[in-house]
Amino acid sequence: MAEENSHDLVEEQTEYSKTRTYFSNERTLLSYWRTGLSFFVLGTFLVRFFDNIVWVIAGAISLVFGAVLFFYGIYRFARRRKQLKRM
């Protein structure tokens, strides 16, 4: 009887840990999106409001970096979600 209860407890903890990991994966995706969007906005600001070539280049780099972060977050989220489904 006690063995059955401990088995149920382990199953319940495993299910909770899967749920926590799934939500953690979503939070990580949102963090990548937030950071990528911040760099993208910074780059847009630098390119649009500064005429100095140094700031325009910095803005262009920031735009590209922001877009890369955004899409890398999507890639990482999808890969991790696939790994979680196999568990």
Protein backbone atom coordinates (compact mmCIF):
# COMPACT_ATOMS: atom_id res chain seq x y z
CA MET A 1 0.00 0.00 0.00
CA ALA A 2 2.74 2.45 0.95
CA GLU A 3 4.63 1.49 -2.20
CA GLU A 4 1.64 2.38 -4.38
CA ASN A 5 1.32 5.78 -2.71
CA SER A 6 5.00 6.55 -3.25
CA HIS A 7 4.68 5.54 -6.91
CA ASP A 8 1.71 7.90 -7.32
CA LEU A 9 3.68 10.68 -5.65
CA VAL A 10 6.61 10.16 -8.01
CA GLU A 11 4.28 10.22 -11.03
CA GLU A 12 2.66 13.42 -9.76
CA GLN A 13 6.04 15.09 -9.15
CA THR A 14 7.20 14.06 -12.62
CA GLU A 15 4.10 15.57 -14.20
CA TYR A 16 4.59 18.80 -12.23
CA SER A 17 8.23 19.00 -13.27
CA LYS A 18 7.25 18.58 -16.93
CA THR A 19 4.74 21.40 -16.57
CA ARG A 20 7.30 23.65 -14.86
CA THR A 21 9.85 22.91 -17.57
CA TYR A 22 7.33 23.69 -20.30
CA PHE A 23 6.47 27.05 -18.75
CA SER A 24 10.15 27.77 -18.19
CA ASN A 25 10.72 27.18 -21.89
CA GLU A 26 7.98 29.70 -22.70
CA ARG A 27 9.50 32.28 -20.36
CA THR A 28 12.86 31.81 -22.04
CA LEU A 29 11.24 32.37 -25.45
CA LEU A 30 9.64 35.58 -24.21
CA SER A 31 13.00 36.73 -22.84
CA TYR A 32 14.64 36.22 -26.22
CA TRP A 33 11.79 38.10 -27.90
CA ARG A 34 11.98 40.97 -25.41
CA THR A 35 15.73 41.32 -25.78
CA GLY A 36 15.60 41.02 -29.57
CA LEU A 37 12.85 43.61 -29.78
CA SER A 38 14.84 45.98 -27.56
CA PHE A 39 17.87 45.73 -29.82
CA PHE A 40 15.66 46.16 -32.88
CA VAL A 41 14.06 49.32 -31.47
CA LEU A 42 17.46 50.69 -30.47
CA GLY A 43 18.77 50.04 -33.98
CA THR A 44 15.76 51.72 -35.57
CA PHE A 45 16.25 54.74 -33.34
CA LEU A 46 19.96 55.02 -34.13
CA VAL A 47 19.47 54.66 -37.89
CA ARG A 48 16.53 57.05 -38.06
CA PHE A 49 17.65 59.90 -35.79
CA PHE A 50 21.43 60.09 -36.22
CA ASP A 51 23.28 61.22 -39.32
CA ASN A 52 26.76 60.23 -38.19
CA ILE A 53 27.90 57.10 -40.05
CA VAL A 54 29.21 55.49 -36.85
CA TRP A 55 25.75 55.61 -35.24
CA VAL A 56 24.07 54.40 -38.41
CA ILE A 57 26.41 51.40 -38.58
CA ALA A 58 25.86 50.71 -34.87
CA GLY A 59 22.11 50.93 -35.50
CA ALA A 60 22.29 48.53 -38.43
CA ILE A 61 24.27 46.04 -36.35
CA SER A 62 21.73 46.40 -33.56
CA LEU A 63 18.86 45.78 -36.00
CA VAL A 64 20.46 42.61 -37.32
CA PHE A 65 21.37 41.39 -33.83
CA GLY A 66 17.81 41.98 -32.63
CA ALA A 67 16.33 40.03 -35.53
CA VAL A 68 18.80 37.18 -35.00
CA LEU A 69 17.93 36.98 -31.30
CA PHE A 70 14.22 36.96 -32.08
CA PHE A 71 14.47 34.07 -34.51
CA TYR A 72 17.04 32.18 -32.44
CA GLY A 73 14.56 32.27 -29.56
CA ILE A 74 11.91 30.68 -31.78
CA TYR A 75 14.38 28.01 -32.94
CA ARG A 76 15.46 27.23 -29.40
CA PHE A 77 11.88 27.08 -28.14
CA ALA A 78 10.83 24.67 -30.89
CA ARG A 79 13.86 22.43 -30.35
CA ARG A 80 13.32 22.31 -26.58
CA ARG A 81 9.59 21.65 -27.01
CA LYS A 82 10.40 18.68 -29.26
CA GLN A 83 12.76 17.33 -26.60
CA LEU A 84 10.11 17.74 -23.93
CA LYS A 85 7.52 15.86 -25.96
CA ARG A 86 9.87 12.86 -26.16
CA MET A 87 10.09 12.68 -22.35
